[in-house]
């Protein structure tokens, strides 16, 4: 596959993992020995996401690049590719194999991005949305648990619902941009249809009553997920990971409150400074309770 010069692998990599890209937001909460592995996972995920979302790449090119990353991920330990995408994938694969972490938590992400690259997201039911989260969000929490050797099925279940809630809230936060920029909709379409709405509602300047009802229903479901996720911090043995999960829960609740108060077609809600302070307090309180 040949990309146009402006879209070479080097350019794609530099756009999302270069010096000007955002850093992993919770890296400072992790033990120093884990930071390199987490950064490698984050770079891999950011690159695959960037490829799937790129507006100037054809679907076939996106799929080819993601399969290239998958082939490299599944290659034997010690083997390596020379392209920028393969270099990032090799670094993650080797670190995960050295630590005994299942490659499925990276491979599942690629499955999610391949679905997005193949066609615009259209989800019929809530179960479809949760299945999407199983591939695109839950692996992140399971990766962090595995990295910390937290082999607790109950912790995995709580992590799964927390990651699902975060992903769904992020979809709502980016509802307008996803539709206008990527032609994607992560709402359960059967809910929208039952409320008397359609995808045309996403093109309006204001949220219609039908769309408002669906967003409210999704928020109620997310609130239920977060209630189940509240069990996570006490289940984690790692002091710093427990603190991180407490902060993440706090931010998820803050984003849920912001979404309920916003017209999502007018502006994307963002956590306030107070929300960040409260999340820091939740993290500190978990550390103190240890």
C-alpha atoms as a PDB file:
ATOM      1  CA  UNK A   1       0.000   0.000   0.000  1.00  0.00           C
ATOM      2  CA  UNK A   2       1.289   3.448  -0.914  1.00  0.00           C
ATOM      3  CA  UNK A   3       0.108   6.560   0.895  1.00  0.00           C
ATOM      4  CA  UNK A   4       0.339  10.039  -0.474  1.00  0.00           C
ATOM      5  CA  UNK A   5       3.497  11.792   0.799  1.00  0.00           C
ATOM      6  CA  UNK A   6       1.479  14.031   3.118  1.00  0.00           C
ATOM      7  CA  UNK A   7      -0.038  10.915   4.700  1.00  0.00           C
ATOM      8  CA  UNK A   8       3.048   8.770   5.123  1.00  0.00           C
ATOM      9  CA  UNK A   9       3.237   6.561   8.189  1.00  0.00           C
ATOM     10  CA  UNK A  10       5.804   8.919   9.666  1.00  0.00           C
ATOM     11  CA  UNK A  11       3.388  11.832   9.379  1.00  0.00           C
ATOM     12  CA  UNK A  12       0.504   9.816  10.836  1.00  0.00           C
ATOM     13  CA  UNK A  13       2.649   8.786  13.788  1.00  0.00           C
ATOM     14  CA  UNK A  14       3.947  12.296  14.417  1.00  0.00           C
ATOM     15  CA  UNK A  15       0.402  13.704  14.373  1.00  0.00           C
ATOM     16  CA  UNK A  16      -0.737  11.613  17.316  1.00  0.00           C
ATOM     17  CA  UNK A  17       2.348  10.553  19.280  1.00  0.00           C
ATOM     18  CA  UNK A  18       4.794  13.349  18.558  1.00  0.00           C
ATOM     19  CA  UNK A  19       6.115  15.967  20.988  1.00  0.00           C
ATOM     20  CA  UNK A  20       3.026  18.142  20.565  1.00  0.00           C
ATOM     21  CA  UNK A  21       0.495  15.394  21.244  1.00  0.00           C
ATOM     22  CA  UNK A  22      -1.235  15.032  24.602  1.00  0.00           C
ATOM     23  CA  UNK A  23       0.520  12.948  27.216  1.00  0.00           C
ATOM     24  CA  UNK A  24      -1.117  10.054  29.021  1.00  0.00           C
ATOM     25  CA  UNK A  25      -3.293  11.867  31.570  1.00  0.00           C
ATOM     26  CA  UNK A  26      -2.742   9.551  34.549  1.00  0.00           C
ATOM     27  CA  UNK A  27       0.864   8.560  33.923  1.00  0.00           C
ATOM     28  CA  UNK A  28       2.054  10.445  37.008  1.00  0.00           C
ATOM     29  CA  UNK A  29      -0.155   8.257  39.236  1.00  0.00           C
ATOM     30  CA  UNK A  30       1.563   5.060  38.120  1.00  0.00           C
ATOM     31  CA  UNK A  31       4.667   3.452  39.636  1.00  0.00           C
ATOM     32  CA  UNK A  32       7.795   4.415  37.648  1.00  0.00           C
ATOM     33  CA  UNK A  33       8.334   0.802  36.548  1.00  0.00           C
ATOM     34  CA  UNK A  34       4.952   0.740  34.801  1.00  0.00           C
ATOM     35  CA  UNK A  35       5.047   4.068  33.017  1.00  0.00           C
ATOM     36  CA  UNK A  36       6.975   2.898  29.964  1.00  0.00           C
ATOM     37  CA  UNK A  37       4.574   0.011  29.363  1.00  0.00           C
ATOM     38  CA  UNK A  38       1.496   2.208  29.829  1.00  0.00           C
ATOM     39  CA  UNK A  39       2.972   4.848  27.519  1.00  0.00           C
ATOM     40  CA  UNK A  40       3.603   2.144  24.877  1.00  0.00           C
ATOM     41  CA  UNK A  41      -0.033   0.985  25.155  1.00  0.00           C
ATOM     42  CA  UNK A  42      -1.282   4.559  24.936  1.00  0.00           C
ATOM     43  CA  UNK A  43       0.841   5.315  21.850  1.00  0.00           C
ATOM     44  CA  UNK A  44      -0.436   2.166  20.164  1.00  0.00           C
ATOM     45  CA  UNK A  45      -4.085   2.980  20.948  1.00  0.00           C
ATOM     46  CA  UNK A  46      -3.710   6.626  19.931  1.00  0.00           C
ATOM     47  CA  UNK A  47      -2.146   5.669  16.611  1.00  0.00           C
ATOM     48  CA  UNK A  48      -4.823   3.102  15.752  1.00  0.00           C
ATOM     49  CA  UNK A  49      -7.580   5.538  16.742  1.00  0.00           C
ATOM     50  CA  UNK A  50      -5.959   8.292  14.683  1.00  0.00           C
ATOM     51  CA  UNK A  51      -5.821   6.051  11.622  1.00  0.00           C
ATOM     52  CA  UNK A  52      -9.480   5.019  11.988  1.00  0.00           C
ATOM     53  CA  UNK A  53     -10.609   8.654  12.398  1.00  0.00           C
ATOM     54  CA  UNK A  54      -8.382  10.290   9.763  1.00  0.00           C
ATOM     55  CA  UNK A  55     -10.439  12.371   7.365  1.00  0.00           C
ATOM     56  CA  UNK A  56      -7.913  12.220   4.531  1.00  0.00           C
ATOM     57  CA  UNK A  57      -7.456   8.438   4.444  1.00  0.00           C
ATOM     58  CA  UNK A  58      -9.669   6.189   2.361  1.00  0.00           C
ATOM     59  CA  UNK A  59     -11.369   3.334   4.174  1.00  0.00           C
ATOM     60  CA  UNK A  60      -9.246   0.750   2.371  1.00  0.00           C
ATOM     61  CA  UNK A  61      -6.033   2.483   3.415  1.00  0.00           C
ATOM     62  CA  UNK A  62      -7.203   2.672   7.026  1.00  0.00           C
ATOM     63  CA  UNK A  63      -8.043  -1.025   7.083  1.00  0.00           C
ATOM     64  CA  UNK A  64      -4.701  -1.960   5.482  1.00  0.00           C
ATOM     65  CA  UNK A  65      -2.733   0.032   8.071  1.00  0.00           C
ATOM     66  CA  UNK A  66      -4.703  -1.421  10.978  1.00  0.00           C
ATOM     67  CA  UNK A  67      -4.188  -4.948   9.651  1.00  0.00           C
ATOM     68  CA  UNK A  68      -0.497  -4.171   9.355  1.00  0.00           C
ATOM     69  CA  UNK A  69      -0.463  -3.279  13.045  1.00  0.00           C
ATOM     70  CA  UNK A  70      -2.429  -6.438  13.882  1.00  0.00           C
ATOM     71  CA  UNK A  71      -0.035  -8.677  11.955  1.00  0.00           C
ATOM     72  CA  UNK A  72       2.879  -7.094  13.797  1.00  0.00           C
ATOM     73  CA  UNK A  73       1.099  -7.465  17.155  1.00  0.00           C
ATOM     74  CA  UNK A  74       0.524 -11.177  16.529  1.00  0.00           C
ATOM     75  CA  UNK A  75       4.066 -11.821  15.291  1.00  0.00           C
ATOM     76  CA  UNK A  76       6.428 -13.917  17.458  1.00  0.00           C
ATOM     77  CA  UNK A  77       8.263 -12.214  20.299  1.00  0.00           C
ATOM     78  CA  UNK A  78      11.496 -10.654  19.105  1.00  0.00           C
ATOM     79  CA  UNK A  79      10.386 -10.173  15.505  1.00  0.00           C
ATOM     80  CA  UNK A  80       9.991  -6.615  14.354  1.00  0.00           C
ATOM     81  CA  UNK A  81       8.964  -4.467  11.422  1.00  0.00           C
ATOM     82  CA  UNK A  82      10.692  -1.374  10.172  1.00  0.00           C
ATOM     83  CA  UNK A  83       7.799   0.966   9.450  1.00  0.00           C
ATOM     84  CA  UNK A  84       6.736   3.604  12.026  1.00  0.00           C
ATOM     85  CA  UNK A  85       3.437   1.809  12.748  1.00  0.00           C
ATOM     86  CA  UNK A  86       5.246  -1.497  13.185  1.00  0.00           C
ATOM     87  CA  UNK A  87       7.860   0.060  15.471  1.00  0.00           C
ATOM     88  CA  UNK A  88       5.171   1.323  17.860  1.00  0.00           C
ATOM     89  CA  UNK A  89       3.335  -2.005  17.743  1.00  0.00           C
ATOM     90  CA  UNK A  90       6.527  -4.007  18.305  1.00  0.00           C
ATOM     91  CA  UNK A  91       7.415  -1.945  21.374  1.00  0.00           C
ATOM     92  CA  UNK A  92       4.033  -2.675  22.931  1.00  0.00           C
ATOM     93  CA  UNK A  93       3.982  -6.359  21.982  1.00  0.00           C
ATOM     94  CA  UNK A  94       7.386  -7.036  23.486  1.00  0.00           C
ATOM     95  CA  UNK A  95       6.630  -5.219  26.740  1.00  0.00           C
ATOM     96  CA  UNK A  96       3.312  -7.002  27.157  1.00  0.00           C
ATOM     97  CA  UNK A  97       4.826 -10.404  26.450  1.00  0.00           C
ATOM     98  CA  UNK A  98       7.657  -9.754  28.890  1.00  0.00           C
ATOM     99  CA  UNK A  99       5.109  -8.945  31.594  1.00  0.00           C
ATOM    100  CA  UNK A 100       2.812 -11.861  30.723  1.00  0.00           C
ATOM    101  CA  UNK A 101      -0.103  -9.633  29.670  1.00  0.00           C
ATOM    102  CA  UNK A 102      -2.509 -11.106  27.131  1.00  0.00           C
ATOM    103  CA  UNK A 103      -2.241  -9.418  23.742  1.00  0.00           C
ATOM    104  CA  UNK A 104      -6.041  -9.555  23.503  1.00  0.00           C
ATOM    105  CA  UNK A 105      -6.299  -6.209  25.335  1.00  0.00           C
ATOM    106  CA  UNK A 106      -4.509  -4.619  22.366  1.00  0.00           C
ATOM    107  CA  UNK A 107      -5.964  -6.854  19.657  1.00  0.00           C
ATOM    108  CA  UNK A 108      -9.537  -6.067  20.726  1.00  0.00           C
ATOM    109  CA  UNK A 109      -8.823  -2.354  20.289  1.00  0.00           C
ATOM    110  CA  UNK A 110      -7.791  -3.018  16.703  1.00  0.00           C
ATOM    111  CA  UNK A 111     -11.068  -4.902  16.141  1.00  0.00           C
ATOM    112  CA  UNK A 112     -12.988  -1.839  17.300  1.00  0.00           C
ATOM    113  CA  UNK A 113     -10.983   0.520  15.102  1.00  0.00           C
ATOM    114  CA  UNK A 114     -11.354  -1.787  12.090  1.00  0.00           C
ATOM    115  CA  UNK A 115     -15.136  -1.633  12.501  1.00  0.00           C
ATOM    116  CA  UNK A 116     -15.000   2.178  12.612  1.00  0.00           C
ATOM    117  CA  UNK A 117     -12.688   2.289   9.593  1.00  0.00           C
ATOM    118  CA  UNK A 118     -14.890   0.009   7.506  1.00  0.00           C
ATOM    119  CA  UNK A 119     -18.148   1.970   7.772  1.00  0.00           C
ATOM    120  CA  UNK A 120     -19.786   4.763   9.791  1.00  0.00           C
ATOM    121  CA  UNK A 121     -20.933   3.603  13.217  1.00  0.00           C
ATOM    122  CA  UNK A 122     -24.626   2.727  13.375  1.00  0.00           C
ATOM    123  CA  UNK A 123     -25.758   0.874  16.489  1.00  0.00           C
ATOM    124  CA  UNK A 124     -29.274  -0.528  16.649  1.00  0.00           C
ATOM    125  CA  UNK A 125     -29.577  -1.367  20.337  1.00  0.00           C
ATOM    126  CA  UNK A 126     -28.086  -0.759  23.777  1.00  0.00           C
ATOM    127  CA  UNK A 127     -26.584  -4.245  23.595  1.00  0.00           C
ATOM    128  CA  UNK A 128     -24.819  -3.226  20.364  1.00  0.00           C
ATOM    129  CA  UNK A 129     -23.393  -0.199  22.162  1.00  0.00           C
ATOM    130  CA  UNK A 130     -22.161  -2.351  25.041  1.00  0.00           C
ATOM    131  CA  UNK A 131     -20.575  -4.785  22.584  1.00  0.00           C
ATOM    132  CA  UNK A 132     -18.766  -1.849  20.985  1.00  0.00           C
ATOM    133  CA  UNK A 133     -17.509  -0.857  24.441  1.00  0.00           C
ATOM    134  CA  UNK A 134     -16.335  -4.428  25.042  1.00  0.00           C
ATOM    135  CA  UNK A 135     -13.850  -3.989  22.201  1.00  0.00           C
ATOM    136  CA  UNK A 136     -13.028  -0.293  22.401  1.00  0.00           C
ATOM    137  CA  UNK A 137     -13.056   0.534  26.135  1.00  0.00           C
ATOM    138  CA  UNK A 138     -13.038  -2.473  28.448  1.00  0.00           C
ATOM    139  CA  UNK A 139      -9.607  -3.690  27.249  1.00  0.00           C
ATOM    140  CA  UNK A 140      -8.016  -0.510  28.639  1.00  0.00           C
ATOM    141  CA  UNK A 141      -9.143  -1.250  32.182  1.00  0.00           C
ATOM    142  CA  UNK A 142      -8.220  -4.913  31.871  1.00  0.00           C
ATOM    143  CA  UNK A 143      -4.766  -3.908  30.638  1.00  0.00           C
ATOM    144  CA  UNK A 144      -4.168  -1.775  33.733  1.00  0.00           C
ATOM    145  CA  UNK A 145      -5.438  -4.529  36.009  1.00  0.00           C
ATOM    146  CA  UNK A 146      -3.209  -7.108  34.331  1.00  0.00           C
ATOM    147  CA  UNK A 147      -0.223  -4.786  34.495  1.00  0.00           C
ATOM    148  CA  UNK A 148      -0.734  -4.561  38.259  1.00  0.00           C
ATOM    149  CA  UNK A 149      -1.427  -8.315  38.567  1.00  0.00           C
ATOM    150  CA  UNK A 150      -4.936  -7.657  39.848  1.00  0.00           C
ATOM    151  CA  UNK A 151      -6.346 -11.110  39.008  1.00  0.00           C
ATOM    152  CA  UNK A 152      -9.756 -10.550  40.566  1.00  0.00           C
ATOM    153  CA  UNK A 153     -12.878 -11.393  38.508  1.00  0.00           C
ATOM    154  CA  UNK A 154     -14.980  -8.941  40.533  1.00  0.00           C
ATOM    155  CA  UNK A 155     -12.478  -6.146  39.898  1.00  0.00           C
ATOM    156  CA  UNK A 156     -12.575  -6.973  36.180  1.00  0.00           C
ATOM    157  CA  UNK A 157     -16.371  -6.734  36.140  1.00  0.00           C
ATOM    158  CA  UNK A 158     -16.314  -3.371  37.945  1.00  0.00           C
ATOM    159  CA  UNK A 159     -13.570  -2.128  35.628  1.00  0.00           C
ATOM    160  CA  UNK A 160     -15.560  -3.213  32.578  1.00  0.00           C
ATOM    161  CA  UNK A 161     -18.649  -1.219  33.546  1.00  0.00           C
ATOM    162  CA  UNK A 162     -16.546   1.832  34.470  1.00  0.00           C
ATOM    163  CA  UNK A 163     -14.790   1.764  31.106  1.00  0.00           C
ATOM    164  CA  UNK A 164     -18.103   1.254  29.296  1.00  0.00           C
ATOM    165  CA  UNK A 165     -19.691   4.210  31.090  1.00  0.00           C
ATOM    166  CA  UNK A 166     -16.697   6.420  30.287  1.00  0.00           C
ATOM    167  CA  UNK A 167     -16.788   5.439  26.631  1.00  0.00           C
ATOM    168  CA  UNK A 168     -20.508   6.097  26.307  1.00  0.00           C
ATOM    169  CA  UNK A 169     -20.188   9.454  28.076  1.00  0.00           C
ATOM    170  CA  UNK A 170     -17.330  10.350  25.730  1.00  0.00           C
ATOM    171  CA  UNK A 171     -19.553   9.444  22.779  1.00  0.00           C
ATOM    172  CA  UNK A 172     -22.223  11.803  24.119  1.00  0.00           C
ATOM    173  CA  UNK A 173     -19.632  14.514  24.747  1.00  0.00           C
ATOM    174  CA  UNK A 174     -18.533  14.246  21.099  1.00  0.00           C
ATOM    175  CA  UNK A 175     -22.013  13.649  19.681  1.00  0.00           C
ATOM    176  CA  UNK A 176     -22.034  16.673  17.381  1.00  0.00           C
ATOM    177  CA  UNK A 177     -18.430  16.333  16.195  1.00  0.00           C
ATOM    178  CA  UNK A 178     -18.741  12.591  15.555  1.00  0.00           C
ATOM    179  CA  UNK A 179     -21.763  13.169  13.335  1.00  0.00           C
ATOM    180  CA  UNK A 180     -20.526  16.191  11.414  1.00  0.00           C
ATOM    181  CA  UNK A 181     -16.880  15.164  11.039  1.00  0.00           C
ATOM    182  CA  UNK A 182     -17.046  11.366  10.875  1.00  0.00           C
ATOM    183  CA  UNK A 183     -20.690  10.563  10.037  1.00  0.00           C
ATOM    184  CA  UNK A 184     -20.827   8.389  13.144  1.00  0.00           C
ATOM    185  CA  UNK A 185     -23.630   7.898  15.627  1.00  0.00           C
ATOM    186  CA  UNK A 186     -23.178   5.886  18.808  1.00  0.00           C
ATOM    187  CA  UNK A 187     -26.772   6.225  20.006  1.00  0.00           C
ATOM    188  CA  UNK A 188     -29.056   3.160  20.103  1.00  0.00           C
ATOM    189  CA  UNK A 189     -31.104   3.851  16.993  1.00  0.00           C
ATOM    190  CA  UNK A 190     -34.087   1.833  18.224  1.00  0.00           C
ATOM    191  CA  UNK A 191     -34.343   4.180  21.210  1.00  0.00           C
ATOM    192  CA  UNK A 192     -34.222   7.205  18.900  1.00  0.00           C
ATOM    193  CA  UNK A 193     -36.888   5.770  16.614  1.00  0.00           C
ATOM    194  CA  UNK A 194     -39.194   4.870  19.523  1.00  0.00           C
ATOM    195  CA  UNK A 195     -38.861   8.457  20.773  1.00  0.00           C
ATOM    196  CA  UNK A 196     -40.030   9.706  17.369  1.00  0.00           C
ATOM    197  CA  UNK A 197     -36.651  10.884  16.149  1.00  0.00           C
ATOM    198  CA  UNK A 198     -34.162   9.983  13.433  1.00  0.00           C
ATOM    199  CA  UNK A 199     -30.544  10.580  12.445  1.00  0.00           C
ATOM    200  CA  UNK A 200     -31.713  13.863  10.890  1.00  0.00           C
ATOM    201  CA  UNK A 201     -32.050  15.192  14.442  1.00  0.00           C
ATOM    202  CA  UNK A 202     -28.246  15.182  14.731  1.00  0.00           C
ATOM    203  CA  UNK A 203     -27.937  17.741  11.943  1.00  0.00           C
ATOM    204  CA  UNK A 204     -30.100  20.304  13.745  1.00  0.00           C
ATOM    205  CA  UNK A 205     -28.730  23.274  15.660  1.00  0.00           C
ATOM    206  CA  UNK A 206     -30.684  22.411  18.812  1.00  0.00           C
ATOM    207  CA  UNK A 207     -31.440  19.125  20.510  1.00  0.00           C
ATOM    208  CA  UNK A 208     -34.910  17.870  19.570  1.00  0.00           C
ATOM    209  CA  UNK A 209     -37.280  16.496  22.233  1.00  0.00           C
ATOM    210  CA  UNK A 210     -36.724  12.978  20.867  1.00  0.00           C
ATOM    211  CA  UNK A 211     -32.948  13.294  20.966  1.00  0.00           C
ATOM    212  CA  UNK A 212     -33.117  14.874  24.416  1.00  0.00           C
ATOM    213  CA  UNK A 213     -35.170  11.919  25.675  1.00  0.00           C
ATOM    214  CA  UNK A 214     -32.665   9.412  24.294  1.00  0.00           C
ATOM    215  CA  UNK A 215     -29.709  11.263  25.810  1.00  0.00           C
ATOM    216  CA  UNK A 216     -31.500  11.310  29.153  1.00  0.00           C
ATOM    217  CA  UNK A 217     -32.159   7.567  28.924  1.00  0.00           C
ATOM    218  CA  UNK A 218     -28.517   6.890  28.113  1.00  0.00           C
ATOM    219  CA  UNK A 219     -27.449   9.055  31.056  1.00  0.00           C
ATOM    220  CA  UNK A 220     -29.722   7.033  33.350  1.00  0.00           C
ATOM    221  CA  UNK A 221     -28.128   3.803  32.128  1.00  0.00           C
ATOM    222  CA  UNK A 222     -24.648   5.282  32.601  1.00  0.00           C
ATOM    223  CA  UNK A 223     -25.567   6.303  36.146  1.00  0.00           C
ATOM    224  CA  UNK A 224     -26.482   2.670  36.803  1.00  0.00           C
ATOM    225  CA  UNK A 225     -23.149   1.514  35.352  1.00  0.00           C
ATOM    226  CA  UNK A 226     -21.266   3.957  37.571  1.00  0.00           C
ATOM    227  CA  UNK A 227     -23.110   2.686  40.638  1.00  0.00           C
ATOM    228  CA  UNK A 228     -21.793  -0.802  39.859  1.00  0.00           C
ATOM    229  CA  UNK A 229     -18.321   0.614  39.125  1.00  0.00           C
ATOM    230  CA  UNK A 230     -18.145   2.186  42.600  1.00  0.00           C
ATOM    231  CA  UNK A 231     -17.043  -1.236  43.880  1.00  0.00           C
ATOM    232  CA  UNK A 232     -13.770  -1.013  41.937  1.00  0.00           C
ATOM    233  CA  UNK A 233     -11.377   1.041  44.141  1.00  0.00           C
ATOM    234  CA  UNK A 234     -11.789  -1.141  47.262  1.00  0.00           C
ATOM    235  CA  UNK A 235     -11.208  -4.279  45.173  1.00  0.00           C
ATOM    236  CA  UNK A 236      -7.804  -3.134  43.925  1.00  0.00           C
ATOM    237  CA  UNK A 237      -4.699  -4.037  45.905  1.00  0.00           C
ATOM    238  CA  UNK A 238      -2.411  -1.557  44.150  1.00  0.00           C
ATOM    239  CA  UNK A 239      -2.493   1.671  46.161  1.00  0.00           C
ATOM    240  CA  UNK A 240      -1.835   3.955  43.193  1.00  0.00           C
ATOM    241  CA  UNK A 241      -4.185   2.144  40.805  1.00  0.00           C
ATOM    242  CA  UNK A 242      -6.958   2.287  43.414  1.00  0.00           C
ATOM    243  CA  UNK A 243      -6.377   6.043  43.724  1.00  0.00           C
ATOM    244  CA  UNK A 244      -6.467   6.408  39.955  1.00  0.00           C
ATOM    245  CA  UNK A 245      -9.731   4.476  39.713  1.00  0.00           C
ATOM    246  CA  UNK A 246     -11.277   6.694  42.408  1.00  0.00           C
ATOM    247  CA  UNK A 247     -10.279   9.812  40.458  1.00  0.00           C
ATOM    248  CA  UNK A 248     -11.627   8.303  37.232  1.00  0.00           C
ATOM    249  CA  UNK A 249     -14.962   7.530  38.892  1.00  0.00           C
ATOM    250  CA  UNK A 250     -15.194  11.093  40.165  1.00  0.00           C
ATOM    251  CA  UNK A 251     -14.522  12.512  36.693  1.00  0.00           C
ATOM    252  CA  UNK A 252     -17.087  10.163  35.150  1.00  0.00           C
ATOM    253  CA  UNK A 253     -19.751  11.448  37.541  1.00  0.00           C
ATOM    254  CA  UNK A 254     -18.707  15.029  36.751  1.00  0.00           C
ATOM    255  CA  UNK A 255     -19.011  14.419  33.008  1.00  0.00           C
ATOM    256  CA  UNK A 256     -22.413  12.804  33.513  1.00  0.00           C
ATOM    257  CA  UNK A 257     -23.635  15.888  35.395  1.00  0.00           C
ATOM    258  CA  UNK A 258     -22.288  18.196  32.683  1.00  0.00           C
ATOM    259  CA  UNK A 259     -23.968  16.182  29.914  1.00  0.00           C
ATOM    260  CA  UNK A 260     -27.340  16.280  31.666  1.00  0.00           C
ATOM    261  CA  UNK A 261     -27.108  20.085  31.844  1.00  0.00           C
ATOM    262  CA  UNK A 262     -25.940  20.739  28.265  1.00  0.00           C
ATOM    263  CA  UNK A 263     -27.536  20.977  24.861  1.00  0.00           C
ATOM    264  CA  UNK A 264     -25.049  18.656  23.189  1.00  0.00           C
ATOM    265  CA  UNK A 265     -25.699  20.060  19.719  1.00  0.00           C
ATOM    266  CA  UNK A 266     -24.777  23.550  20.881  1.00  0.00           C
ATOM    267  CA  UNK A 267     -21.558  22.781  22.750  1.00  0.00           C
ATOM    268  CA  UNK A 268     -19.526  19.886  24.072  1.00  0.00           C
ATOM    269  CA  UNK A 269     -19.497  19.761  27.877  1.00  0.00           C
ATOM    270  CA  UNK A 270     -16.162  19.827  29.656  1.00  0.00           C
ATOM    271  CA  UNK A 271     -15.292  19.176  33.295  1.00  0.00           C
ATOM    272  CA  UNK A 272     -14.738  22.320  35.347  1.00  0.00           C
ATOM    273  CA  UNK A 273     -11.724  23.135  37.483  1.00  0.00           C
ATOM    274  CA  UNK A 274     -13.790  22.186  40.508  1.00  0.00           C
ATOM    275  CA  UNK A 275     -14.452  18.783  38.931  1.00  0.00           C
ATOM    276  CA  UNK A 276     -10.702  18.235  38.576  1.00  0.00           C
ATOM    277  CA  UNK A 277     -10.147  19.317  42.185  1.00  0.00           C
ATOM    278  CA  UNK A 278     -12.867  16.953  43.366  1.00  0.00           C
ATOM    279  CA  UNK A 279     -11.288  14.101  41.377  1.00  0.00           C
ATOM    280  CA  UNK A 280      -7.946  14.877  42.985  1.00  0.00           C
ATOM    281  CA  UNK A 281      -9.635  14.825  46.372  1.00  0.00           C
ATOM    282  CA  UNK A 282     -11.186  11.418  45.640  1.00  0.00           C
ATOM    283  CA  UNK A 283      -7.776  10.111  44.675  1.00  0.00           C
ATOM    284  CA  UNK A 284      -6.142  11.551  47.797  1.00  0.00           C
ATOM    285  CA  UNK A 285      -8.895  10.173  50.018  1.00  0.00           C
ATOM    286  CA  UNK A 286      -8.326   6.697  48.613  1.00  0.00           C
ATOM    287  CA  UNK A 287      -4.597   7.038  49.327  1.00  0.00           C
ATOM    288  CA  UNK A 288      -5.291   8.185  52.899  1.00  0.00           C
ATOM    289  CA  UNK A 289      -7.694   5.291  53.507  1.00  0.00           C
ATOM    290  CA  UNK A 290      -5.004   2.779  52.543  1.00  0.00           C
END
